[in-house]
PDB file of N, CA and C in Angstrom:
ATOM      1  N   MET A   1     -10.348  -6.972 -44.716  1.00  0.00           N
ATOM      2  CA  MET A   1      -9.255  -7.359 -43.836  1.00  0.00           C
ATOM      3  C   MET A   1      -8.045  -6.473 -44.140  1.00  0.00           C
ATOM      4  N   ARG A   2      -7.447  -5.949 -43.110  1.00  0.00           N
ATOM      5  CA  ARG A   2      -6.305  -5.072 -43.277  1.00  0.00           C
ATOM      6  C   ARG A   2      -5.070  -5.857 -43.700  1.00  0.00           C
ATOM      7  N   GLY A   3      -4.103  -5.128 -44.229  1.00  0.00           N
ATOM      8  CA  GLY A   3      -2.871  -5.750 -44.705  1.00  0.00           C
ATOM      9  C   GLY A   3      -2.165  -6.602 -43.669  1.00  0.00           C
ATOM     10  N   TRP A   4      -2.011  -6.085 -42.475  1.00  0.00           N
ATOM     11  CA  TRP A   4      -1.280  -6.818 -41.445  1.00  0.00           C
ATOM     12  C   TRP A   4      -1.969  -8.125 -41.104  1.00  0.00           C
ATOM     13  N   GLU A   5      -3.288  -8.154 -41.120  1.00  0.00           N
ATOM     14  CA  GLU A   5      -4.030  -9.373 -40.809  1.00  0.00           C
ATOM     15  C   GLU A   5      -3.884 -10.421 -41.909  1.00  0.00           C
ATOM     16  N   GLN A   6      -3.397 -10.003 -43.071  1.00  0.00           N
ATOM     17  CA  GLN A   6      -3.240 -10.926 -44.187  1.00  0.00           C
ATOM     18  C   GLN A   6      -1.850 -11.548 -44.239  1.00  0.00           C
ATOM     19  N   ILE A   7      -0.875 -10.985 -43.510  1.00  0.00           N
ATOM     20  CA  ILE A   7       0.480 -11.505 -43.649  1.00  0.00           C
ATOM     21  C   ILE A   7       1.185 -11.761 -42.315  1.00  0.00           C
ATOM     22  N   GLU A   8       1.131 -10.849 -41.362  1.00  0.00           N
ATOM     23  CA  GLU A   8       1.764 -10.986 -40.051  1.00  0.00           C
ATOM     24  C   GLU A   8       3.148 -11.649 -40.131  1.00  0.00           C
ATOM     25  N   SER A   9       4.052 -11.012 -40.822  1.00  0.00           N
ATOM     26  CA  SER A   9       5.396 -11.529 -41.037  1.00  0.00           C
ATOM     27  C   SER A   9       6.411 -10.702 -40.251  1.00  0.00           C
ATOM     28  N   ASN A  10       7.391 -11.367 -39.651  1.00  0.00           N
ATOM     29  CA  ASN A  10       8.441 -10.638 -38.938  1.00  0.00           C
ATOM     30  C   ASN A  10       9.252  -9.761 -39.887  1.00  0.00           C
ATOM     31  N   VAL A  11       9.449 -10.215 -41.110  1.00  0.00           N
ATOM     32  CA  VAL A  11      10.189  -9.428 -42.098  1.00  0.00           C
ATOM     33  C   VAL A  11       9.426  -8.149 -42.423  1.00  0.00           C
ATOM     34  N   VAL A  12       8.132  -8.276 -42.661  1.00  0.00           N
ATOM     35  CA  VAL A  12       7.294  -7.113 -42.961  1.00  0.00           C
ATOM     36  C   VAL A  12       7.256  -6.183 -41.753  1.00  0.00           C
ATOM     37  N   LYS A  13       7.115  -6.734 -40.574  1.00  0.00           N
ATOM     38  CA  LYS A  13       7.077  -5.928 -39.353  1.00  0.00           C
ATOM     39  C   LYS A  13       8.357  -5.115 -39.207  1.00  0.00           C
ATOM     40  N   LYS A  14       9.507  -5.739 -39.422  1.00  0.00           N
ATOM     41  CA  LYS A  14      10.786  -5.035 -39.316  1.00  0.00           C
ATOM     42  C   LYS A  14      10.881  -3.910 -40.341  1.00  0.00           C
ATOM     43  N   ARG A  15      10.407  -4.160 -41.547  1.00  0.00           N
ATOM     44  CA  ARG A  15      10.458  -3.135 -42.586  1.00  0.00           C
ATOM     45  C   ARG A  15       9.550  -1.957 -42.247  1.00  0.00           C
ATOM     46  N   ILE A  16       8.360  -2.243 -41.746  1.00  0.00           N
ATOM     47  CA  ILE A  16       7.431  -1.167 -41.368  1.00  0.00           C
ATOM     48  C   ILE A  16       8.007  -0.375 -40.195  1.00  0.00           C
ATOM     49  N   LYS A  17       8.561  -1.075 -39.219  1.00  0.00           N
ATOM     50  CA  LYS A  17       9.154  -0.389 -38.075  1.00  0.00           C
ATOM     51  C   LYS A  17      10.298   0.519 -38.511  1.00  0.00           C
ATOM     52  N   ALA A  18      11.066   0.098 -39.485  1.00  0.00           N
ATOM     53  CA  ALA A  18      12.163   0.928 -39.987  1.00  0.00           C
ATOM     54  C   ALA A  18      11.629   2.175 -40.687  1.00  0.00           C
ATOM     55  N   VAL A  19      10.616   2.005 -41.519  1.00  0.00           N
ATOM     56  CA  VAL A  19      10.024   3.139 -42.232  1.00  0.00           C
ATOM     57  C   VAL A  19       9.470   4.162 -41.245  1.00  0.00           C
ATOM     58  N   CYS A  20       8.804   3.690 -40.201  1.00  0.00           N
ATOM     59  CA  CYS A  20       8.136   4.568 -39.235  1.00  0.00           C
ATOM     60  C   CYS A  20       9.027   4.949 -38.058  1.00  0.00           C
ATOM     61  N   LYS A  21      10.252   4.442 -38.060  1.00  0.00           N
ATOM     62  CA  LYS A  21      11.189   4.693 -36.958  1.00  0.00           C
ATOM     63  C   LYS A  21      10.597   4.272 -35.606  1.00  0.00           C
ATOM     64  N   ILE A  22      10.000   3.108 -35.592  1.00  0.00           N
ATOM     65  CA  ILE A  22       9.400   2.556 -34.375  1.00  0.00           C
ATOM     66  C   ILE A  22      10.464   1.757 -33.636  1.00  0.00           C
ATOM     67  N   THR A  23      10.628   2.052 -32.350  1.00  0.00           N
ATOM     68  CA  THR A  23      11.657   1.371 -31.565  1.00  0.00           C
ATOM     69  C   THR A  23      11.115   0.613 -30.361  1.00  0.00           C
ATOM     70  N   SER A  24       9.836   0.777 -30.053  1.00  0.00           N
ATOM     71  CA  SER A  24       9.304   0.094 -28.864  1.00  0.00           C
ATOM     72  C   SER A  24       8.042  -0.695 -29.205  1.00  0.00           C
ATOM     73  N   PRO A  25       7.772  -1.734 -28.431  1.00  0.00           N
ATOM     74  CA  PRO A  25       6.550  -2.511 -28.644  1.00  0.00           C
ATOM     75  C   PRO A  25       5.285  -1.663 -28.480  1.00  0.00           C
ATOM     76  N   VAL A  26       5.319  -0.710 -27.558  1.00  0.00           N
ATOM     77  CA  VAL A  26       4.156   0.150 -27.333  1.00  0.00           C
ATOM     78  C   VAL A  26       3.873   0.988 -28.586  1.00  0.00           C
ATOM     79  N   SER A  27       4.909   1.547 -29.169  1.00  0.00           N
ATOM     80  CA  SER A  27       4.737   2.349 -30.387  1.00  0.00           C
ATOM     81  C   SER A  27       4.193   1.495 -31.521  1.00  0.00           C
ATOM     82  N   TRP A  28       4.672   0.263 -31.634  1.00  0.00           N
ATOM     83  CA  TRP A  28       4.181  -0.642 -32.673  1.00  0.00           C
ATOM     84  C   TRP A  28       2.675  -0.897 -32.490  1.00  0.00           C
ATOM     85  N   LEU A  29       2.261  -1.212 -31.272  1.00  0.00           N
ATOM     86  CA  LEU A  29       0.851  -1.496 -31.013  1.00  0.00           C
ATOM     87  C   LEU A  29      -0.034  -0.274 -31.249  1.00  0.00           C
ATOM     88  N   GLN A  30       0.459   0.908 -30.908  1.00  0.00           N
ATOM     89  CA  GLN A  30      -0.309   2.126 -31.159  1.00  0.00           C
ATOM     90  C   GLN A  30      -0.544   2.312 -32.653  1.00  0.00           C
ATOM     91  N   ARG A  31       0.480   2.043 -33.447  1.00  0.00           N
ATOM     92  CA  ARG A  31       0.345   2.147 -34.903  1.00  0.00           C
ATOM     93  C   ARG A  31      -0.608   1.088 -35.421  1.00  0.00           C
ATOM     94  N   LEU A  32      -0.436  -0.125 -34.954  1.00  0.00           N
ATOM     95  CA  LEU A  32      -1.241  -1.246 -35.415  1.00  0.00           C
ATOM     96  C   LEU A  32      -2.721  -1.026 -35.109  1.00  0.00           C
ATOM     97  N   ARG A  33      -3.002  -0.422 -33.976  1.00  0.00           N
ATOM     98  CA  ARG A  33      -4.387  -0.164 -33.557  1.00  0.00           C
ATOM     99  C   ARG A  33      -4.976   1.105 -34.171  1.00  0.00           C
ATOM    100  N   GLY A  34      -4.154   1.844 -34.926  1.00  0.00           N
ATOM    101  CA  GLY A  34      -4.650   3.060 -35.561  1.00  0.00           C
ATOM    102  C   GLY A  34      -4.683   4.263 -34.648  1.00  0.00           C
ATOM    103  N   GLN A  35      -3.982   4.193 -33.532  1.00  0.00           N
ATOM    104  CA  GLN A  35      -3.940   5.315 -32.602  1.00  0.00           C
ATOM    105  C   GLN A  35      -2.980   6.398 -33.065  1.00  0.00           C
ATOM    106  N   VAL A  36      -2.069   6.036 -33.960  1.00  0.00           N
ATOM    107  CA  VAL A  36      -1.139   6.993 -34.561  1.00  0.00           C
ATOM    108  C   VAL A  36      -1.370   6.945 -36.063  1.00  0.00           C
ATOM    109  N   ILE A  37      -1.640   8.083 -36.649  1.00  0.00           N
ATOM    110  CA  ILE A  37      -1.896   8.169 -38.079  1.00  0.00           C
ATOM    111  C   ILE A  37      -0.561   8.302 -38.813  1.00  0.00           C
ATOM    112  N   PRO A  38      -0.336   7.478 -39.841  1.00  0.00           N
ATOM    113  CA  PRO A  38       0.933   7.566 -40.574  1.00  0.00           C
ATOM    114  C   PRO A  38       1.019   8.853 -41.389  1.00  0.00           C
ATOM    115  N   SER A  39       2.243   9.332 -41.542  1.00  0.00           N
ATOM    116  CA  SER A  39       2.462  10.480 -42.421  1.00  0.00           C
ATOM    117  C   SER A  39       2.231  10.025 -43.863  1.00  0.00           C
ATOM    118  N   ALA A  40       2.181  10.979 -44.784  1.00  0.00           N
ATOM    119  CA  ALA A  40       1.994  10.636 -46.199  1.00  0.00           C
ATOM    120  C   ALA A  40       3.128   9.743 -46.684  1.00  0.00           C
ATOM    121  N   TYR A  41       4.345  10.051 -46.273  1.00  0.00           N
ATOM    122  CA  TYR A  41       5.505   9.232 -46.660  1.00  0.00           C
ATOM    123  C   TYR A  41       5.353   7.805 -46.122  1.00  0.00           C
ATOM    124  N   GLU A  42       5.025   7.668 -44.831  1.00  0.00           N
ATOM    125  CA  GLU A  42       4.863   6.347 -44.228  1.00  0.00           C
ATOM    126  C   GLU A  42       3.750   5.571 -44.926  1.00  0.00           C
ATOM    127  N   PHE A  43       2.655   6.247 -45.220  1.00  0.00           N
ATOM    128  CA  PHE A  43       1.526   5.625 -45.917  1.00  0.00           C
ATOM    129  C   PHE A  43       1.985   5.024 -47.248  1.00  0.00           C
ATOM    130  N   ARG A  44       2.700   5.815 -48.041  1.00  0.00           N
ATOM    131  CA  ARG A  44       3.177   5.329 -49.351  1.00  0.00           C
ATOM    132  C   ARG A  44       4.126   4.147 -49.202  1.00  0.00           C
ATOM    133  N   GLU A  45       5.080   4.267 -48.275  1.00  0.00           N
ATOM    134  CA  GLU A  45       6.088   3.220 -48.115  1.00  0.00           C
ATOM    135  C   GLU A  45       5.485   1.922 -47.571  1.00  0.00           C
ATOM    136  N   ILE A  46       4.580   2.021 -46.620  1.00  0.00           N
ATOM    137  CA  ILE A  46       3.929   0.829 -46.071  1.00  0.00           C
ATOM    138  C   ILE A  46       3.079   0.160 -47.149  1.00  0.00           C
ATOM    139  N   THR A  47       2.373   0.962 -47.928  1.00  0.00           N
ATOM    140  CA  THR A  47       1.568   0.416 -49.028  1.00  0.00           C
ATOM    141  C   THR A  47       2.456  -0.333 -50.012  1.00  0.00           C
ATOM    142  N   LYS A  48       3.612   0.236 -50.331  1.00  0.00           N
ATOM    143  CA  LYS A  48       4.563  -0.421 -51.251  1.00  0.00           C
ATOM    144  C   LYS A  48       5.018  -1.773 -50.699  1.00  0.00           C
ATOM    145  N   ILE A  49       5.316  -1.814 -49.407  1.00  0.00           N
ATOM    146  CA  ILE A  49       5.772  -3.061 -48.787  1.00  0.00           C
ATOM    147  C   ILE A  49       4.709  -4.147 -48.957  1.00  0.00           C
ATOM    148  N   PHE A  50       3.470  -3.828 -48.625  1.00  0.00           N
ATOM    149  CA  PHE A  50       2.408  -4.829 -48.746  1.00  0.00           C
ATOM    150  C   PHE A  50       2.157  -5.214 -50.198  1.00  0.00           C
ATOM    151  N   ASN A  51       2.248  -4.245 -51.103  1.00  0.00           N
ATOM    152  CA  ASN A  51       2.039  -4.532 -52.521  1.00  0.00           C
ATOM    153  C   ASN A  51       3.057  -5.535 -53.049  1.00  0.00           C
ATOM    154  N   GLU A  52       4.273  -5.519 -52.506  1.00  0.00           N
ATOM    155  CA  GLU A  52       5.299  -6.487 -52.906  1.00  0.00           C
ATOM    156  C   GLU A  52       4.859  -7.923 -52.619  1.00  0.00           C
ATOM    157  N   TYR A  53       3.973  -8.095 -51.667  1.00  0.00           N
ATOM    158  CA  TYR A  53       3.465  -9.416 -51.292  1.00  0.00           C
ATOM    159  C   TYR A  53       2.082  -9.686 -51.891  1.00  0.00           C
ATOM    160  N   GLY A  54       1.664  -8.823 -52.806  1.00  0.00           N
ATOM    161  CA  GLY A  54       0.388  -9.010 -53.481  1.00  0.00           C
ATOM    162  C   GLY A  54      -0.811  -8.563 -52.658  1.00  0.00           C
ATOM    163  N   ILE A  55      -0.577  -7.828 -51.597  1.00  0.00           N
ATOM    164  CA  ILE A  55      -1.662  -7.353 -50.742  1.00  0.00           C
ATOM    165  C   ILE A  55      -1.985  -5.915 -51.126  1.00  0.00           C
ATOM    166  N   THR A  56      -3.196  -5.710 -51.603  1.00  0.00           N
ATOM    167  CA  THR A  56      -3.600  -4.371 -52.027  1.00  0.00           C
ATOM    168  C   THR A  56      -4.600  -3.737 -51.065  1.00  0.00           C
ATOM    169  N   ASP A  57      -5.248  -4.536 -50.236  1.00  0.00           N
ATOM    170  CA  ASP A  57      -6.189  -4.029 -49.237  1.00  0.00           C
ATOM    171  C   ASP A  57      -5.427  -3.870 -47.924  1.00  0.00           C
ATOM    172  N   VAL A  58      -4.708  -2.755 -47.823  1.00  0.00           N
ATOM    173  CA  VAL A  58      -3.795  -2.553 -46.698  1.00  0.00           C
ATOM    174  C   VAL A  58      -4.456  -1.827 -45.541  1.00  0.00           C
ATOM    175  N   TRP A  59      -5.196  -0.796 -45.831  1.00  0.00           N
ATOM    176  CA  TRP A  59      -5.709   0.104 -44.799  1.00  0.00           C
ATOM    177  C   TRP A  59      -7.151  -0.190 -44.473  1.00  0.00           C
ATOM    178  N   GLY A  60      -7.524   0.043 -43.236  1.00  0.00           N
ATOM    179  CA  GLY A  60      -8.886  -0.163 -42.822  1.00  0.00           C
ATOM    180  C   GLY A  60      -9.033  -0.077 -41.328  1.00  0.00           C
ATOM    181  N   VAL A  61     -10.165  -0.419 -40.878  1.00  0.00           N
ATOM    182  CA  VAL A  61     -10.474  -0.377 -39.455  1.00  0.00           C
ATOM    183  C   VAL A  61     -10.098  -1.726 -38.848  1.00  0.00           C
ATOM    184  N   PRO A  62      -9.396  -1.727 -37.696  1.00  0.00           N
ATOM    185  CA  PRO A  62      -9.013  -2.988 -37.077  1.00  0.00           C
ATOM    186  C   PRO A  62     -10.203  -3.917 -36.835  1.00  0.00           C
ATOM    187  N   ASN A  63     -10.042  -5.167 -37.201  1.00  0.00           N
ATOM    188  CA  ASN A  63     -11.034  -6.220 -36.983  1.00  0.00           C
ATOM    189  C   ASN A  63     -12.402  -5.900 -37.578  1.00  0.00           C
ATOM    190  N   GLY A  64     -12.419  -5.085 -38.613  1.00  0.00           N
ATOM    191  CA  GLY A  64     -13.662  -4.791 -39.315  1.00  0.00           C
ATOM    192  C   GLY A  64     -14.655  -3.963 -38.549  1.00  0.00           C
ATOM    193  N   LYS A  65     -14.233  -3.350 -37.461  1.00  0.00           N
ATOM    194  CA  LYS A  65     -15.148  -2.534 -36.643  1.00  0.00           C
ATOM    195  C   LYS A  65     -15.097  -1.095 -37.084  1.00  0.00           C
TER     196      LYS A  65
END
């Protein structure tokens, strides 16, 4: 299970959007679905955010497919 599926928090969402400079719902969904690959910086920062909540299995294929 991916990180987002384990927490789905508005606070986490806002932090990820800030790191990735996401300003629209469409951009958020593209990222969430894996249509946009995060940069190395974004990858590290997003991983750190989830780790703060004890989530270490952050990355993966949506819905286990």
